[in-house]
Protein backbone atom coordinates (compact mmCIF):
# COMPACT_ATOMS: atom_id res chain seq x y z
CA MET A 1 73.92 -118.68 16.62
CA ARG A 2 71.72 -120.27 19.27
CA LYS A 3 67.95 -120.04 18.79
CA ASP A 4 67.33 -118.18 22.05
CA GLU A 5 69.97 -115.61 21.11
CA CYS A 6 68.42 -115.23 17.66
CA ARG A 7 64.94 -114.70 19.12
CA LYS A 8 66.21 -111.95 21.42
CA ILE A 9 68.12 -110.12 18.66
CA TYR A 10 65.31 -110.20 16.10
CA LYS A 11 62.54 -109.28 18.53
CA SER A 12 64.63 -106.23 19.42
CA LYS A 13 65.27 -105.37 15.75
CA ARG A 14 61.56 -105.58 14.93
CA ALA A 15 60.61 -103.53 18.00
CA ALA A 16 62.88 -100.73 16.71
CA LEU A 17 60.95 -100.45 13.43
CA SER A 18 58.52 -97.57 13.06
CA GLU A 19 55.01 -98.28 11.75
CA LYS A 20 55.94 -96.64 8.42
CA GLN A 21 59.11 -98.75 8.12
CA ARG A 22 57.11 -101.91 8.82
CA ASP A 23 54.51 -100.96 6.20
CA ASP A 24 57.13 -100.05 3.58
CA LEU A 25 59.17 -103.20 4.22
CA SER A 26 56.01 -105.37 4.08
CA ILE A 27 55.14 -103.94 0.65
CA ALA A 28 58.73 -104.52 -0.55
CA ILE A 29 58.50 -108.16 0.61
CA ALA A 30 55.22 -108.63 -1.28
CA ASN A 31 56.86 -107.17 -4.41
CA GLN A 32 59.91 -109.44 -4.05
CA SER A 33 57.55 -112.43 -3.67
CA LEU A 34 56.38 -111.87 -7.23
CA LYS A 35 59.84 -113.11 -8.35
CA LEU A 36 59.25 -116.56 -6.83
CA PRO A 37 58.60 -119.48 -9.24
CA ILE A 38 55.32 -120.40 -7.50
CA TRP A 39 52.62 -118.56 -9.39
CA HIS A 40 51.54 -121.62 -11.40
CA LEU A 41 50.44 -123.26 -8.12
CA GLU A 42 46.91 -122.82 -6.71
CA HIS A 43 46.64 -123.39 -2.94
CA PHE A 44 48.45 -120.91 -0.66
CA HIS A 45 48.68 -120.82 3.15
CA ILE A 46 49.55 -117.42 4.62
CA PHE A 47 49.82 -116.30 8.21
CA MET A 48 48.05 -113.35 9.77
CA PRO A 49 50.52 -111.10 11.63
CA ILE A 50 50.83 -110.52 15.35
CA GLU A 51 50.60 -106.73 15.40
CA ALA A 52 52.09 -106.40 18.90
CA GLN A 53 55.20 -108.31 17.71
CA LYS A 54 55.54 -106.05 14.65
CA GLU A 55 55.38 -109.01 12.32
CA ILE A 56 55.29 -108.52 8.57
CA ASP A 57 51.94 -107.18 7.39
CA THR A 58 50.77 -109.88 4.99
CA THR A 59 47.93 -107.76 3.57
CA PRO A 60 49.92 -106.69 0.46
CA LEU A 61 50.83 -110.33 -0.25
CA ILE A 62 47.23 -111.45 0.28
CA THR A 63 46.15 -108.75 -2.18
CA ALA A 64 48.62 -110.14 -4.76
CA LEU A 65 47.29 -113.67 -4.19
CA GLN A 66 43.72 -112.46 -4.63
CA ALA A 67 44.64 -110.59 -7.83
CA LYS A 68 46.10 -113.84 -9.19
CA GLU A 69 42.89 -115.67 -8.16
CA LYS A 70 44.68 -118.14 -5.87
CA HIS A 71 43.00 -120.23 -3.18
CA ILE A 72 44.11 -118.68 0.10
CA TYR A 73 44.08 -120.41 3.50
CA ILE A 74 44.80 -118.86 6.88
CA PRO A 75 45.52 -120.68 10.13
CA LYS A 76 43.55 -121.03 13.31
CA VAL A 77 45.21 -122.46 16.40
CA LYS A 78 43.49 -125.51 17.84
CA GLY A 79 45.41 -126.93 20.79
CA LEU A 80 48.96 -127.44 19.51
CA GLU A 81 47.94 -127.68 15.85
CA LEU A 82 46.95 -125.31 13.07
CA GLU A 83 43.67 -125.69 11.19
CA HIS A 84 43.49 -124.16 7.71
CA TYR A 85 40.49 -122.09 6.68
CA ALA A 86 39.64 -120.73 3.25
CA PHE A 87 40.08 -116.96 3.24
CA THR A 88 37.47 -115.05 1.24
CA ASP A 89 35.91 -111.59 1.28
CA GLN A 90 33.26 -113.02 3.63
CA THR A 91 35.71 -114.45 6.19
CA LEU A 92 35.01 -113.06 9.65
CA LEU A 93 38.15 -112.67 11.77
CA ARG A 94 38.61 -112.43 15.54
CA GLN A 95 41.84 -112.01 17.52
CA ASN A 96 42.99 -114.96 19.62
CA LYS A 97 44.86 -114.74 22.95
CA TRP A 98 48.16 -114.01 21.13
CA GLY A 99 46.65 -111.14 19.14
CA ILE A 100 46.51 -113.12 15.88
CA SER A 101 43.47 -112.62 13.67
CA GLU A 102 41.82 -115.99 13.06
CA PRO A 103 38.75 -117.09 11.10
CA VAL A 104 35.63 -117.54 13.22
CA THR A 105 34.04 -120.07 10.86
CA GLY A 106 34.49 -121.27 7.32
CA GLU A 107 35.56 -124.11 5.09
CA THR A 108 38.65 -126.02 6.25
CA VAL A 109 41.16 -127.98 4.19
CA GLU A 110 43.73 -130.61 5.05
CA ALA A 111 47.37 -129.55 5.06
CA SER A 112 48.06 -131.99 2.23
CA VAL A 113 46.04 -129.79 -0.18
CA ILE A 114 48.31 -126.76 0.29
CA ASN A 115 51.00 -126.14 -2.37
CA VAL A 116 52.72 -123.07 -0.88
CA VAL A 117 53.24 -122.09 2.76
CA PHE A 118 54.30 -118.59 3.77
CA ILE A 119 55.92 -118.97 7.20
CA PRO A 120 56.36 -116.35 9.93
CA LEU A 121 59.79 -116.27 11.51
CA LEU A 122 62.15 -114.17 13.57
CA GLY A 123 65.42 -115.09 11.85
CA PHE A 124 66.86 -117.46 9.26
CA ASP A 125 70.25 -118.52 7.93
CA HIS A 126 71.92 -119.25 4.59
CA LYS A 127 70.95 -122.94 4.80
CA GLY A 128 67.21 -122.29 5.18
CA ASN A 129 67.08 -122.91 8.92
CA ARG A 130 64.57 -120.66 10.66
CA VAL A 131 63.73 -119.51 14.15
CA GLY A 132 60.20 -118.73 15.27
CA TYR A 133 58.75 -118.22 18.72
CA GLY A 134 59.60 -121.79 19.76
CA LYS A 135 56.12 -123.32 20.04
CA GLY A 136 56.57 -125.65 17.03
CA PHE A 137 53.23 -124.89 15.33
CA TYR A 138 54.76 -124.63 11.86
CA ASP A 139 57.06 -127.65 12.25
CA ARG A 140 54.04 -129.79 13.16
CA PHE A 141 51.98 -128.30 10.31
CA LEU A 142 54.75 -128.74 7.71
CA LYS A 143 55.12 -132.43 8.59
CA ASN A 144 51.50 -132.90 7.46
CA CYS A 145 51.91 -130.98 4.21
CA ASN A 146 52.39 -132.51 0.81
CA GLU A 147 56.12 -133.27 0.51
CA LYS A 148 56.26 -130.99 -2.56
CA ALA A 149 54.75 -128.01 -0.73
CA VAL A 150 56.96 -124.95 -1.15
CA LYS A 151 58.05 -123.47 2.19
CA ILE A 152 58.71 -119.72 2.10
CA GLY A 153 59.85 -117.58 5.01
CA LEU A 154 59.19 -113.85 5.14
CA SER A 155 61.71 -111.63 6.92
CA PHE A 156 62.42 -107.92 7.32
CA PHE A 157 66.12 -108.75 7.72
CA LYS A 158 68.90 -110.54 5.83
CA ALA A 159 70.13 -114.07 6.58
CA GLU A 160 72.41 -114.98 9.45
CA GLU A 161 75.48 -117.05 8.60
CA GLU A 162 74.26 -120.02 10.69
CA ILE A 163 71.52 -120.75 13.20
CA ALA A 164 71.48 -123.91 15.30
CA ALA A 165 68.94 -126.44 14.03
CA ASP A 166 67.23 -129.32 15.77
CA PRO A 167 66.69 -132.67 14.01
CA HIS A 168 62.90 -132.09 13.81
CA ASP A 169 63.25 -128.62 12.23
CA ILE A 170 62.00 -128.29 8.66
CA ARG A 171 64.04 -126.01 6.44
CA LEU A 172 62.74 -123.34 4.11
CA ASP A 173 62.86 -123.61 0.33
CA TYR A 174 62.98 -119.81 0.01
CA CYS A 175 63.03 -116.72 2.20
CA VAL A 176 61.87 -113.33 0.97
CA THR A 177 63.27 -110.09 2.38
CA PRO A 178 62.64 -106.52 1.20
CA ASP A 179 65.80 -106.66 -0.94
CA GLN A 180 66.08 -110.22 -2.22
CA VAL A 181 64.80 -113.76 -2.52
CA TYR A 182 67.04 -116.40 -0.93
CA ALA A 183 66.77 -119.84 -2.55
CA PHE A 184 67.75 -122.90 -0.50
CA ASN A 185 65.94 -125.69 -2.34
CA PRO A 186 64.64 -123.95 -5.45
CA LEU A 187 61.95 -125.29 -7.75
CA GLY A 188 62.90 -126.33 -11.24
């Protein structure tokens, strides 16, 4: 499947979800995430959802990370790059031009510190290829991460058989859906 075709299909599928379905599926994804072999790690990057795009609500997953006393970092767009800010109870958030909640101020960390990256996406395939909105923010970010950082997609929907990939694309290690965890390059 071509990336542009995938974007169109999955934007439409997400748009068809009711608010209750989105909430229920987001909780199911957070629960499935507890099956991942990552909970011994300490530094977690997680995205804040674009509400207008009906992205996965990451609040239940953030709550799980907080309960496990993990260091949590959320992104802020700066030019074509992502900066990574510590997320605490005191973090003040403001929506950017895309409707993404971002930290106003706070402590930043380098990408190399992060052990686990939860990645927003529209679709993914059985090889770990993923399709986002096409701006490349996460590909650029992942290139600066520690090579052992675990890359985890979150998706409301199951995997496609195959999605076209570009040479610069970075594949997922896992993808979590409401019903299962897909492993492409599993730990251990």
